[in-house]
Amino acid sequence: MDADIVSPLAGKIGLQQPVIIETIEWALNFAVLSDIHRDLADLPSPFEPLVQMYEQGGTFNLDAAGHIEVDTAAIPKGSIEQALARVPLDMDGKSLNALNEG
């Protein structure tokens, strides 16, 4: 994705941290690839949880100790094997609202 497209978009939505801008760029690239390569179109977007978090005003940060910081929580990155073993959270509106209220 051309930086001339990503930079104004990132600035417009108010997300200035480089890692967040990178994830927006990756999400846009995945969307373009999904349009071009039909075999990818049936895959769930790996960026949808981040996009939903951004839409709700959330952000994240990566700290020097290798944690992902979301609000006041620090979550270890872990390995690919650990990520694959986790049960995915429901991302429907009702479940997200319940998490936000909790």
C-alpha atoms as a PDB file:
ATOM      1  CA  MET A   1       0.000   0.000   0.000  1.00  0.00           C
ATOM      2  CA  ASP A   2       1.385   3.376  -1.005  1.00  0.00           C
ATOM      3  CA  ALA A   3       2.441   5.586   1.933  1.00  0.00           C
ATOM      4  CA  ASP A   4       0.563   8.483   0.286  1.00  0.00           C
ATOM      5  CA  ILE A   5      -2.647   6.577   1.056  1.00  0.00           C
ATOM      6  CA  VAL A   6      -1.798   5.187   4.499  1.00  0.00           C
ATOM      7  CA  SER A   7      -0.322   8.311   6.133  1.00  0.00           C
ATOM      8  CA  PRO A   8      -3.311  10.639   5.610  1.00  0.00           C
ATOM      9  CA  LEU A   9      -5.693   7.865   6.668  1.00  0.00           C
ATOM     10  CA  ALA A  10      -3.752   7.191   9.866  1.00  0.00           C
ATOM     11  CA  GLY A  11      -3.567  10.899  10.631  1.00  0.00           C
ATOM     12  CA  LYS A  12      -7.279  11.366  10.004  1.00  0.00           C
ATOM     13  CA  ILE A  13      -8.270   8.692  12.507  1.00  0.00           C
ATOM     14  CA  GLY A  14      -5.850  10.005  15.113  1.00  0.00           C
ATOM     15  CA  LEU A  15      -3.656   6.955  15.564  1.00  0.00           C
ATOM     16  CA  GLN A  16      -0.056   8.083  15.611  1.00  0.00           C
ATOM     17  CA  GLN A  17       1.893   5.151  17.073  1.00  0.00           C
ATOM     18  CA  PRO A  18       4.015   3.544  14.332  1.00  0.00           C
ATOM     19  CA  VAL A  19       2.927  -0.016  15.160  1.00  0.00           C
ATOM     20  CA  ILE A  20      -0.746   0.941  14.835  1.00  0.00           C
ATOM     21  CA  ILE A  21      -0.153   2.692  11.526  1.00  0.00           C
ATOM     22  CA  GLU A  22       1.667  -0.449  10.345  1.00  0.00           C
ATOM     23  CA  THR A  23      -1.292  -2.668  11.297  1.00  0.00           C
ATOM     24  CA  ILE A  24      -3.628  -0.398   9.330  1.00  0.00           C
ATOM     25  CA  GLU A  25      -1.330  -0.716   6.324  1.00  0.00           C
ATOM     26  CA  TRP A  26      -1.223  -4.512   6.711  1.00  0.00           C
ATOM     27  CA  ALA A  27      -5.031  -4.682   6.972  1.00  0.00           C
ATOM     28  CA  LEU A  28      -5.410  -2.609   3.802  1.00  0.00           C
ATOM     29  CA  ASN A  29      -2.872  -4.787   1.989  1.00  0.00           C
ATOM     30  CA  PHE A  30      -4.718  -7.937   3.082  1.00  0.00           C
ATOM     31  CA  ALA A  31      -7.997  -6.467   1.807  1.00  0.00           C
ATOM     32  CA  VAL A  32      -6.430  -5.647  -1.564  1.00  0.00           C
ATOM     33  CA  LEU A  33      -4.891  -9.124  -1.819  1.00  0.00           C
ATOM     34  CA  SER A  34      -8.240 -10.698  -0.931  1.00  0.00           C
ATOM     35  CA  ASP A  35      -9.837  -8.775  -3.800  1.00  0.00           C
ATOM     36  CA  ILE A  36      -7.110  -9.842  -6.231  1.00  0.00           C
ATOM     37  CA  HIS A  37      -6.697 -13.474  -5.119  1.00  0.00           C
ATOM     38  CA  ARG A  38     -10.058 -15.154  -4.773  1.00  0.00           C
ATOM     39  CA  ASP A  39      -8.504 -18.071  -2.864  1.00  0.00           C
ATOM     40  CA  LEU A  40      -7.877 -15.624   0.025  1.00  0.00           C
ATOM     41  CA  ALA A  41     -11.393 -14.187  -0.055  1.00  0.00           C
ATOM     42  CA  ASP A  42     -12.803 -17.002   2.090  1.00  0.00           C
ATOM     43  CA  LEU A  43     -10.234 -16.541   4.851  1.00  0.00           C
ATOM     44  CA  PRO A  44     -11.269 -14.524   7.904  1.00  0.00           C
ATOM     45  CA  SER A  45      -9.393 -11.257   8.102  1.00  0.00           C
ATOM     46  CA  PRO A  46      -6.625 -11.595  10.691  1.00  0.00           C
ATOM     47  CA  PHE A  47      -6.925  -7.842  11.253  1.00  0.00           C
ATOM     48  CA  GLU A  48     -10.652  -7.654  12.008  1.00  0.00           C
ATOM     49  CA  PRO A  49     -10.209  -7.724  15.816  1.00  0.00           C
ATOM     50  CA  LEU A  50      -7.761  -4.805  15.584  1.00  0.00           C
ATOM     51  CA  VAL A  51     -10.028  -2.840  13.256  1.00  0.00           C
ATOM     52  CA  GLN A  52     -12.929  -3.344  15.660  1.00  0.00           C
ATOM     53  CA  MET A  53     -10.762  -2.207  18.584  1.00  0.00           C
ATOM     54  CA  TYR A  54      -9.696   0.917  16.659  1.00  0.00           C
ATOM     55  CA  GLU A  55     -13.326   1.655  15.720  1.00  0.00           C
ATOM     56  CA  GLN A  56     -14.200   1.616  19.432  1.00  0.00           C
ATOM     57  CA  GLY A  57     -11.363   4.028  20.235  1.00  0.00           C
ATOM     58  CA  GLY A  58      -8.964   1.414  21.597  1.00  0.00           C
ATOM     59  CA  THR A  59      -5.257   1.169  20.920  1.00  0.00           C
ATOM     60  CA  PHE A  60      -2.341  -1.022  21.894  1.00  0.00           C
ATOM     61  CA  ASN A  61       1.384  -0.711  22.355  1.00  0.00           C
ATOM     62  CA  LEU A  62       4.363  -3.067  22.345  1.00  0.00           C
ATOM     63  CA  ASP A  63       6.642  -2.679  25.358  1.00  0.00           C
ATOM     64  CA  ALA A  64      10.355  -3.414  25.611  1.00  0.00           C
ATOM     65  CA  ALA A  65       9.722  -6.560  27.666  1.00  0.00           C
ATOM     66  CA  GLY A  66       7.855  -8.249  24.804  1.00  0.00           C
ATOM     67  CA  HIS A  67       4.313  -7.612  26.009  1.00  0.00           C
ATOM     68  CA  ILE A  68       1.292  -6.301  24.158  1.00  0.00           C
ATOM     69  CA  GLU A  69      -0.241  -3.510  26.230  1.00  0.00           C
ATOM     70  CA  VAL A  70      -3.978  -2.944  25.862  1.00  0.00           C
ATOM     71  CA  ASP A  71      -5.254  -0.221  28.179  1.00  0.00           C
ATOM     72  CA  THR A  72      -3.770  -1.232  31.558  1.00  0.00           C
ATOM     73  CA  ALA A  73      -3.235  -4.920  30.752  1.00  0.00           C
ATOM     74  CA  ALA A  74       0.118  -6.299  29.596  1.00  0.00           C
ATOM     75  CA  ILE A  75      -0.199  -9.571  27.716  1.00  0.00           C
ATOM     76  CA  PRO A  76       2.850 -11.697  26.805  1.00  0.00           C
ATOM     77  CA  LYS A  77       3.190 -12.189  23.054  1.00  0.00           C
ATOM     78  CA  GLY A  78       3.779 -15.915  23.411  1.00  0.00           C
ATOM     79  CA  SER A  79       4.549 -18.324  20.602  1.00  0.00           C
ATOM     80  CA  ILE A  80       2.612 -19.233  17.486  1.00  0.00           C
ATOM     81  CA  GLU A  81       1.762 -22.581  19.074  1.00  0.00           C
ATOM     82  CA  GLN A  82       0.273 -20.838  22.122  1.00  0.00           C
ATOM     83  CA  ALA A  83      -1.764 -18.502  19.916  1.00  0.00           C
ATOM     84  CA  LEU A  84      -3.139 -21.402  17.875  1.00  0.00           C
ATOM     85  CA  ALA A  85      -4.139 -23.257  21.051  1.00  0.00           C
ATOM     86  CA  ARG A  86      -6.268 -20.351  22.369  1.00  0.00           C
ATOM     87  CA  VAL A  87     -10.026 -20.418  21.970  1.00  0.00           C
ATOM     88  CA  PRO A  88     -11.013 -17.353  19.895  1.00  0.00           C
ATOM     89  CA  LEU A  89     -13.223 -14.729  21.502  1.00  0.00           C
ATOM     90  CA  ASP A  90     -16.658 -14.043  20.046  1.00  0.00           C
ATOM     91  CA  MET A  91     -16.382 -10.844  18.013  1.00  0.00           C
ATOM     92  CA  ASP A  92     -20.088 -10.213  17.538  1.00  0.00           C
ATOM     93  CA  GLY A  93     -21.584  -6.934  18.746  1.00  0.00           C
ATOM     94  CA  LYS A  94     -23.261  -8.439  21.814  1.00  0.00           C
ATOM     95  CA  SER A  95     -20.053 -10.094  23.056  1.00  0.00           C
ATOM     96  CA  LEU A  96     -17.983  -6.953  22.475  1.00  0.00           C
ATOM     97  CA  ASN A  97     -20.504  -4.820  24.330  1.00  0.00           C
ATOM     98  CA  ALA A  98     -20.369  -7.246  27.265  1.00  0.00           C
ATOM     99  CA  LEU A  99     -16.565  -7.021  27.342  1.00  0.00           C
ATOM    100  CA  ASN A 100     -16.701  -3.224  27.221  1.00  0.00           C
ATOM    101  CA  GLU A 101     -19.183  -3.100  30.099  1.00  0.00           C
ATOM    102  CA  GLY A 102     -17.203  -5.567  32.225  1.00  0.00           C
END
